[in-house]
């Protein structure tokens, strides 16, 4: 499974997330499902932080030139994504709204400061989780 995979919407109608093109930073190796953010207006892979995510990669991109457009699913309120936690998330469900990620893009259940991830429910195991984002490059919900 990809690091992040769209699961469903909390809205009354379930829709596939929109795909948008954004310029990529130089020397990025990005895979479908990678959580990404903007740095100086260009897409980079999120590594160890989910403070202000842009979205999830919708295509692979390997070492593209700076400014080349890549396809991204922007993360928005109400979207729920499948992910993997760094450890059991059983006690983290509907806990902090500020979980972060590890450098391997796992939900870091030991870090509940400065992130933007809310664990909505568990999946098939205590490390398979469904998450939503409380903050993104487009919007912030609560504080």
N, C-alpha and C. Protein backbone atom coordinates (compact mmCIF):
# COMPACT_ATOMS: atom_id res chain seq x y z
N UNK A 1 0.84 -1.18 0.00
CA UNK A 1 0.00 0.00 0.00
C UNK A 1 0.88 1.25 0.00
N UNK A 2 0.40 2.28 -0.63
CA UNK A 2 1.09 3.57 -0.62
C UNK A 2 1.08 4.14 0.79
N UNK A 3 1.92 5.13 1.05
CA UNK A 3 1.96 5.75 2.38
C UNK A 3 0.59 6.28 2.80
N UNK A 4 -0.06 6.99 1.89
CA UNK A 4 -1.40 7.52 2.12
C UNK A 4 -2.26 7.14 0.93
N UNK A 5 -3.46 6.67 1.21
CA UNK A 5 -4.37 6.23 0.16
C UNK A 5 -5.77 6.72 0.51
N UNK A 6 -6.42 7.37 -0.45
CA UNK A 6 -7.76 7.91 -0.20
C UNK A 6 -8.71 6.77 0.16
N UNK A 7 -9.53 6.98 1.21
CA UNK A 7 -10.49 5.96 1.65
C UNK A 7 -11.93 6.39 1.36
N UNK A 8 -12.34 7.53 1.93
CA UNK A 8 -13.71 7.98 1.75
C UNK A 8 -13.85 9.42 2.24
N UNK A 9 -15.05 9.97 2.06
CA UNK A 9 -15.34 11.32 2.51
C UNK A 9 -16.32 11.27 3.67
N UNK A 10 -16.17 12.18 4.61
CA UNK A 10 -17.13 12.30 5.71
C UNK A 10 -18.39 13.03 5.28
N UNK A 11 -18.36 13.63 4.10
CA UNK A 11 -19.53 14.34 3.57
C UNK A 11 -20.59 13.32 3.16
N UNK A 12 -21.78 13.81 2.90
CA UNK A 12 -22.88 12.91 2.56
C UNK A 12 -22.70 12.24 1.20
N UNK A 13 -21.86 12.82 0.36
CA UNK A 13 -21.60 12.25 -0.95
C UNK A 13 -20.11 11.91 -1.03
N UNK A 14 -19.80 10.67 -1.39
CA UNK A 14 -18.41 10.26 -1.49
C UNK A 14 -17.89 10.55 -2.89
N UNK A 15 -16.87 11.36 -2.97
CA UNK A 15 -16.30 11.72 -4.26
C UNK A 15 -14.80 11.44 -4.26
N UNK A 16 -14.28 11.16 -5.41
CA UNK A 16 -12.84 10.96 -5.57
C UNK A 16 -12.18 12.33 -5.45
N UNK A 17 -11.06 12.42 -4.74
CA UNK A 17 -10.42 13.73 -4.61
C UNK A 17 -9.97 14.28 -5.98
N UNK A 18 -10.04 15.58 -6.11
CA UNK A 18 -9.59 16.24 -7.33
C UNK A 18 -8.08 16.13 -7.45
N UNK A 19 -7.59 16.16 -8.66
CA UNK A 19 -6.15 16.14 -8.92
C UNK A 19 -5.77 17.49 -9.49
N UNK A 20 -4.70 18.08 -8.95
CA UNK A 20 -4.21 19.36 -9.45
C UNK A 20 -2.72 19.27 -9.73
N UNK A 21 -2.27 20.10 -10.64
CA UNK A 21 -0.85 20.13 -11.01
C UNK A 21 -0.14 21.25 -10.26
N UNK A 22 1.03 20.91 -9.70
CA UNK A 22 1.85 21.89 -8.98
C UNK A 22 3.29 21.73 -9.44
N UNK A 23 4.07 22.82 -9.41
CA UNK A 23 5.49 22.71 -9.79
C UNK A 23 6.28 21.96 -8.70
N UNK A 24 7.18 21.12 -9.14
CA UNK A 24 7.98 20.32 -8.21
C UNK A 24 9.35 20.97 -8.00
N UNK A 25 9.91 20.77 -6.83
CA UNK A 25 11.28 21.23 -6.55
C UNK A 25 12.26 20.27 -7.24
N UNK A 26 13.48 20.71 -7.45
CA UNK A 26 14.49 19.88 -8.10
C UNK A 26 14.86 18.68 -7.24
N UNK A 27 15.27 17.61 -7.89
CA UNK A 27 15.84 16.42 -7.25
C UNK A 27 14.91 15.73 -6.27
N UNK A 28 13.63 15.71 -6.55
CA UNK A 28 12.66 15.03 -5.69
C UNK A 28 12.34 13.66 -6.26
N UNK A 29 12.34 12.63 -5.41
CA UNK A 29 11.86 11.31 -5.79
C UNK A 29 10.54 11.11 -5.06
N UNK A 30 9.46 11.16 -5.80
CA UNK A 30 8.12 11.11 -5.23
C UNK A 30 7.35 9.92 -5.80
N UNK A 31 6.62 9.24 -4.94
CA UNK A 31 5.83 8.08 -5.35
C UNK A 31 4.36 8.34 -5.07
N UNK A 32 3.50 7.66 -5.82
CA UNK A 32 2.07 7.75 -5.56
C UNK A 32 1.83 7.42 -4.09
N UNK A 33 1.07 8.27 -3.40
CA UNK A 33 0.77 8.06 -2.00
C UNK A 33 1.67 8.80 -1.03
N UNK A 34 2.73 9.43 -1.52
CA UNK A 34 3.60 10.21 -0.63
C UNK A 34 2.88 11.49 -0.20
N UNK A 35 3.00 11.83 1.07
CA UNK A 35 2.50 13.10 1.57
C UNK A 35 3.49 14.18 1.15
N UNK A 36 2.98 15.27 0.58
CA UNK A 36 3.86 16.33 0.09
C UNK A 36 3.43 17.68 0.65
N UNK A 37 4.35 18.63 0.59
CA UNK A 37 4.10 19.99 1.04
C UNK A 37 4.76 20.95 0.06
N UNK A 38 4.54 22.23 0.28
CA UNK A 38 5.17 23.24 -0.57
C UNK A 38 6.36 23.86 0.15
N UNK A 39 7.43 24.06 -0.60
CA UNK A 39 8.59 24.78 -0.11
C UNK A 39 8.96 25.79 -1.20
N UNK A 40 8.90 27.05 -0.87
CA UNK A 40 9.14 28.11 -1.86
C UNK A 40 8.26 27.92 -3.08
N UNK A 41 7.02 27.49 -2.85
CA UNK A 41 6.05 27.34 -3.93
C UNK A 41 6.21 26.10 -4.77
N UNK A 42 7.09 25.17 -4.34
CA UNK A 42 7.30 23.94 -5.11
C UNK A 42 7.09 22.71 -4.23
N UNK A 43 6.64 21.63 -4.85
CA UNK A 43 6.31 20.39 -4.15
C UNK A 43 7.58 19.67 -3.68
N UNK A 44 7.57 19.30 -2.40
CA UNK A 44 8.63 18.45 -1.84
C UNK A 44 7.97 17.37 -1.00
N UNK A 45 8.68 16.28 -0.78
CA UNK A 45 8.17 15.19 0.06
C UNK A 45 8.21 15.63 1.52
N UNK A 46 7.14 15.38 2.25
CA UNK A 46 7.11 15.66 3.68
C UNK A 46 7.97 14.62 4.39
N UNK A 47 8.92 15.08 5.17
CA UNK A 47 9.82 14.15 5.86
C UNK A 47 9.88 14.51 7.34
N UNK A 48 9.10 13.82 8.12
CA UNK A 48 9.12 14.03 9.56
C UNK A 48 8.17 15.08 10.06
N UNK A 49 7.40 15.69 9.18
CA UNK A 49 6.45 16.70 9.62
C UNK A 49 5.21 16.69 8.74
N UNK A 50 4.08 16.86 9.40
CA UNK A 50 2.81 17.02 8.68
C UNK A 50 2.17 18.31 9.15
N UNK A 51 3.00 19.33 9.36
CA UNK A 51 2.51 20.59 9.90
C UNK A 51 1.60 21.32 8.93
N UNK A 52 1.92 21.28 7.66
CA UNK A 52 1.15 22.03 6.67
C UNK A 52 1.16 21.31 5.32
N UNK A 53 0.56 20.12 5.26
CA UNK A 53 0.64 19.34 4.03
C UNK A 53 -0.14 19.97 2.88
N UNK A 54 0.37 19.77 1.68
CA UNK A 54 -0.35 20.18 0.48
C UNK A 54 -1.31 19.07 0.06
N UNK A 55 -0.78 17.85 0.00
CA UNK A 55 -1.61 16.76 -0.46
C UNK A 55 -0.85 15.46 -0.57
N UNK A 56 -1.40 14.58 -1.39
CA UNK A 56 -0.85 13.24 -1.59
C UNK A 56 -0.54 13.09 -3.07
N UNK A 57 0.63 12.57 -3.37
CA UNK A 57 1.03 12.41 -4.77
C UNK A 57 0.07 11.49 -5.52
N UNK A 58 -0.30 11.92 -6.73
CA UNK A 58 -1.19 11.15 -7.59
C UNK A 58 -0.41 10.47 -8.72
N UNK A 59 0.90 10.75 -8.80
CA UNK A 59 1.75 10.13 -9.82
C UNK A 59 3.17 10.05 -9.28
N UNK A 60 3.97 9.16 -9.85
CA UNK A 60 5.38 9.08 -9.51
C UNK A 60 6.13 10.19 -10.23
N UNK A 61 7.18 10.68 -9.59
CA UNK A 61 8.05 11.67 -10.21
C UNK A 61 9.46 11.42 -9.69
N UNK A 62 10.38 11.19 -10.60
CA UNK A 62 11.74 10.86 -10.19
C UNK A 62 12.73 11.85 -10.78
N UNK A 63 13.27 12.72 -9.93
CA UNK A 63 14.33 13.65 -10.30
C UNK A 63 13.94 14.59 -11.45
N UNK A 64 12.70 15.07 -11.42
CA UNK A 64 12.24 16.01 -12.45
C UNK A 64 12.93 17.36 -12.26
N UNK A 65 13.02 18.12 -13.31
CA UNK A 65 13.60 19.46 -13.23
C UNK A 65 12.69 20.35 -12.39
N UNK A 66 13.28 21.29 -11.68
CA UNK A 66 12.50 22.23 -10.88
C UNK A 66 11.47 22.93 -11.76
N UNK A 67 10.26 23.02 -11.26
CA UNK A 67 9.20 23.69 -11.99
C UNK A 67 8.34 22.76 -12.84
N UNK A 68 8.82 21.54 -13.08
CA UNK A 68 8.01 20.56 -13.81
C UNK A 68 6.74 20.31 -13.01
N UNK A 69 5.62 20.25 -13.67
CA UNK A 69 4.35 20.06 -12.96
C UNK A 69 4.12 18.59 -12.63
N UNK A 70 3.69 18.35 -11.38
CA UNK A 70 3.36 17.00 -10.92
C UNK A 70 1.92 17.00 -10.43
N UNK A 71 1.30 15.83 -10.45
CA UNK A 71 -0.11 15.70 -10.09
C UNK A 71 -0.24 15.32 -8.61
N UNK A 72 -1.08 16.10 -7.91
CA UNK A 72 -1.26 15.95 -6.47
C UNK A 72 -2.75 15.96 -6.14
N UNK A 73 -3.15 15.09 -5.19
CA UNK A 73 -4.49 15.17 -4.61
C UNK A 73 -4.39 16.13 -3.42
N UNK A 74 -4.89 17.35 -3.50
CA UNK A 74 -4.84 18.22 -2.32
C UNK A 74 -5.67 17.63 -1.18
N UNK A 75 -5.16 17.70 0.05
CA UNK A 75 -5.92 17.22 1.20
C UNK A 75 -6.85 18.33 1.66
N UNK A 76 -8.11 17.96 1.88
CA UNK A 76 -9.14 18.92 2.25
C UNK A 76 -9.96 18.39 3.41
N UNK A 77 -10.66 19.26 4.12
CA UNK A 77 -11.51 18.81 5.24
C UNK A 77 -12.53 17.77 4.77
N UNK A 78 -12.74 16.79 5.61
CA UNK A 78 -13.74 15.76 5.32
C UNK A 78 -13.21 14.56 4.58
N UNK A 79 -12.01 14.65 4.03
CA UNK A 79 -11.42 13.49 3.37
C UNK A 79 -10.80 12.58 4.42
N UNK A 80 -10.96 11.28 4.24
CA UNK A 80 -10.34 10.30 5.13
C UNK A 80 -9.38 9.46 4.30
N UNK A 81 -8.17 9.28 4.83
CA UNK A 81 -7.09 8.58 4.13
C UNK A 81 -6.64 7.38 4.94
N UNK A 82 -6.29 6.28 4.27
CA UNK A 82 -5.68 5.12 4.93
C UNK A 82 -4.19 5.40 5.09
N UNK A 83 -3.64 4.98 6.21
CA UNK A 83 -2.22 5.17 6.47
C UNK A 83 -1.76 4.09 7.45
N UNK A 84 -0.49 4.13 7.78
CA UNK A 84 0.08 3.19 8.74
C UNK A 84 0.70 3.98 9.88
N UNK A 85 0.46 3.53 11.10
CA UNK A 85 1.02 4.18 12.28
C UNK A 85 2.36 3.55 12.64
N UNK A 86 3.18 4.32 13.33
CA UNK A 86 4.52 3.86 13.74
C UNK A 86 4.46 2.84 14.87
N UNK A 87 3.35 2.79 15.58
CA UNK A 87 3.13 1.85 16.69
C UNK A 87 1.62 1.73 16.86
N UNK A 88 1.20 0.94 17.82
CA UNK A 88 -0.24 0.78 18.05
C UNK A 88 -0.91 2.14 18.24
N UNK A 89 -1.98 2.35 17.51
CA UNK A 89 -2.73 3.61 17.60
C UNK A 89 -4.03 3.43 18.37
N UNK A 90 -4.17 2.30 19.05
CA UNK A 90 -5.42 1.99 19.75
C UNK A 90 -5.84 3.08 20.73
N UNK A 91 -4.89 3.68 21.42
CA UNK A 91 -5.24 4.73 22.39
C UNK A 91 -5.20 6.13 21.78
N UNK A 92 -4.94 6.23 20.48
CA UNK A 92 -4.82 7.54 19.83
C UNK A 92 -6.04 7.91 18.99
N UNK A 93 -6.98 6.99 18.84
CA UNK A 93 -8.15 7.26 18.01
C UNK A 93 -8.95 8.42 18.60
N UNK A 94 -9.23 9.39 17.75
CA UNK A 94 -9.95 10.61 18.12
C UNK A 94 -9.31 11.31 19.31
N UNK A 95 -7.99 11.19 19.40
CA UNK A 95 -7.23 11.86 20.46
C UNK A 95 -6.78 13.22 19.96
N UNK A 96 -5.50 13.43 19.92
CA UNK A 96 -4.94 14.69 19.46
C UNK A 96 -5.29 14.95 18.00
N UNK A 97 -5.45 16.21 17.65
CA UNK A 97 -5.66 16.59 16.25
C UNK A 97 -4.35 17.03 15.62
N UNK A 98 -3.23 16.74 16.28
CA UNK A 98 -1.96 17.27 15.81
C UNK A 98 -0.88 16.20 15.69
N UNK A 99 -1.25 14.96 15.36
CA UNK A 99 -0.23 13.94 15.16
C UNK A 99 0.62 14.30 13.95
N UNK A 100 1.86 13.88 14.00
CA UNK A 100 2.82 14.16 12.95
C UNK A 100 3.16 12.86 12.23
N UNK A 101 4.14 12.91 11.33
CA UNK A 101 4.61 11.71 10.64
C UNK A 101 6.08 11.50 10.95
N UNK A 102 6.53 10.27 10.73
CA UNK A 102 7.96 9.96 10.83
C UNK A 102 8.61 10.25 9.48
N UNK A 103 9.93 10.14 9.42
CA UNK A 103 10.62 10.35 8.15
C UNK A 103 10.23 9.28 7.12
N UNK A 104 9.71 8.14 7.59
CA UNK A 104 9.24 7.08 6.69
C UNK A 104 7.77 7.26 6.33
N UNK A 105 7.19 8.38 6.72
CA UNK A 105 5.80 8.74 6.45
C UNK A 105 4.79 7.81 7.13
N UNK A 106 5.14 7.36 8.33
CA UNK A 106 4.19 6.65 9.18
C UNK A 106 3.58 7.68 10.13
N UNK A 107 2.35 7.45 10.57
CA UNK A 107 1.73 8.34 11.54
C UNK A 107 2.48 8.15 12.86
N UNK A 108 3.05 9.23 13.37
CA UNK A 108 3.88 9.16 14.58
C UNK A 108 3.00 9.35 15.81
N UNK A 109 2.56 8.23 16.39
CA UNK A 109 1.66 8.31 17.54
C UNK A 109 2.37 8.81 18.80
N UNK A 110 3.69 8.92 18.75
CA UNK A 110 4.45 9.47 19.89
C UNK A 110 4.63 10.98 19.77
N UNK A 111 4.19 11.57 18.67
CA UNK A 111 4.38 13.01 18.45
C UNK A 111 3.03 13.65 18.15
N UNK A 112 2.46 14.27 19.17
CA UNK A 112 1.15 14.90 18.99
C UNK A 112 1.23 16.42 19.11
N UNK A 113 2.35 16.98 18.68
CA UNK A 113 2.50 18.44 18.67
C UNK A 113 2.92 18.90 17.28
N UNK A 114 2.34 19.99 16.84
CA UNK A 114 2.70 20.66 15.59
C UNK A 114 2.34 19.92 14.32
N UNK A 115 1.70 18.77 14.41
CA UNK A 115 1.25 18.06 13.22
C UNK A 115 -0.15 18.50 12.83
N UNK A 116 -0.78 17.74 11.95
CA UNK A 116 -2.12 18.11 11.49
C UNK A 116 -3.00 16.89 11.25
N UNK A 117 -2.67 15.78 11.90
CA UNK A 117 -3.36 14.53 11.62
C UNK A 117 -4.23 14.10 12.79
N UNK A 118 -5.47 13.77 12.50
CA UNK A 118 -6.41 13.20 13.47
C UNK A 118 -6.66 11.76 13.05
N UNK A 119 -6.44 10.83 13.96
CA UNK A 119 -6.72 9.42 13.68
C UNK A 119 -8.21 9.18 13.93
N UNK A 120 -8.93 8.83 12.87
CA UNK A 120 -10.39 8.69 12.93
C UNK A 120 -10.80 7.32 13.45
N UNK A 121 -10.12 6.27 12.97
CA UNK A 121 -10.44 4.92 13.42
C UNK A 121 -9.31 3.98 13.04
N UNK A 122 -9.37 2.78 13.62
CA UNK A 122 -8.40 1.74 13.29
C UNK A 122 -8.87 0.95 12.09
N UNK A 123 -7.91 0.37 11.38
CA UNK A 123 -8.22 -0.51 10.27
C UNK A 123 -8.14 -1.96 10.72
N UNK A 124 -7.55 -2.80 9.90
CA UNK A 124 -7.48 -4.24 10.16
C UNK A 124 -6.55 -4.60 11.33
N UNK A 125 -5.69 -3.66 11.72
CA UNK A 125 -4.80 -3.89 12.86
C UNK A 125 -4.65 -2.57 13.62
N UNK A 126 -3.95 -2.61 14.74
CA UNK A 126 -3.76 -1.39 15.54
C UNK A 126 -2.80 -0.39 14.90
N UNK A 127 -2.10 -0.79 13.84
CA UNK A 127 -1.23 0.15 13.15
C UNK A 127 -1.80 0.59 11.80
N UNK A 128 -2.85 -0.04 11.35
CA UNK A 128 -3.54 0.39 10.13
C UNK A 128 -4.59 1.40 10.56
N UNK A 129 -4.49 2.62 10.09
CA UNK A 129 -5.36 3.68 10.59
C UNK A 129 -6.02 4.45 9.45
N UNK A 130 -7.10 5.10 9.81
CA UNK A 130 -7.80 6.03 8.92
C UNK A 130 -7.62 7.41 9.54
N UNK A 131 -7.18 8.37 8.73
CA UNK A 131 -6.86 9.69 9.26
C UNK A 131 -7.51 10.79 8.43
N UNK A 132 -7.65 11.94 9.05
CA UNK A 132 -8.05 13.14 8.34
C UNK A 132 -7.07 14.24 8.74
N UNK A 133 -7.00 15.27 7.94
CA UNK A 133 -6.06 16.36 8.19
C UNK A 133 -6.81 17.57 8.74
N UNK A 134 -6.31 18.14 9.83
CA UNK A 134 -6.95 19.30 10.45
C UNK A 134 -6.37 20.61 9.93
N UNK A 135 -5.31 20.50 9.16
CA UNK A 135 -4.68 21.69 8.59
C UNK A 135 -4.02 21.26 7.28
N UNK A 136 -4.05 22.15 6.31
CA UNK A 136 -3.36 21.87 5.05
C UNK A 136 -2.91 23.20 4.45
N UNK A 137 -2.30 23.13 3.31
CA UNK A 137 -1.86 24.35 2.63
C UNK A 137 -3.06 25.23 2.26
N UNK A 138 -4.27 24.65 2.29
CA UNK A 138 -5.47 25.38 1.88
C UNK A 138 -6.35 25.84 3.03
N UNK A 139 -6.33 25.13 4.17
CA UNK A 139 -7.30 25.43 5.23
C UNK A 139 -6.80 24.90 6.58
N UNK A 140 -7.29 25.53 7.66
CA UNK A 140 -7.03 25.04 9.01
C UNK A 140 -8.36 24.92 9.74
N UNK A 141 -8.57 23.78 10.40
CA UNK A 141 -9.79 23.54 11.16
C UNK A 141 -9.44 23.59 12.64
N UNK A 142 -10.03 24.49 13.37
CA UNK A 142 -9.75 24.58 14.80
C UNK A 142 -8.32 25.01 15.05
N UNK A 143 -7.83 24.72 16.24
CA UNK A 143 -6.43 25.03 16.55
C UNK A 143 -5.89 24.09 17.58
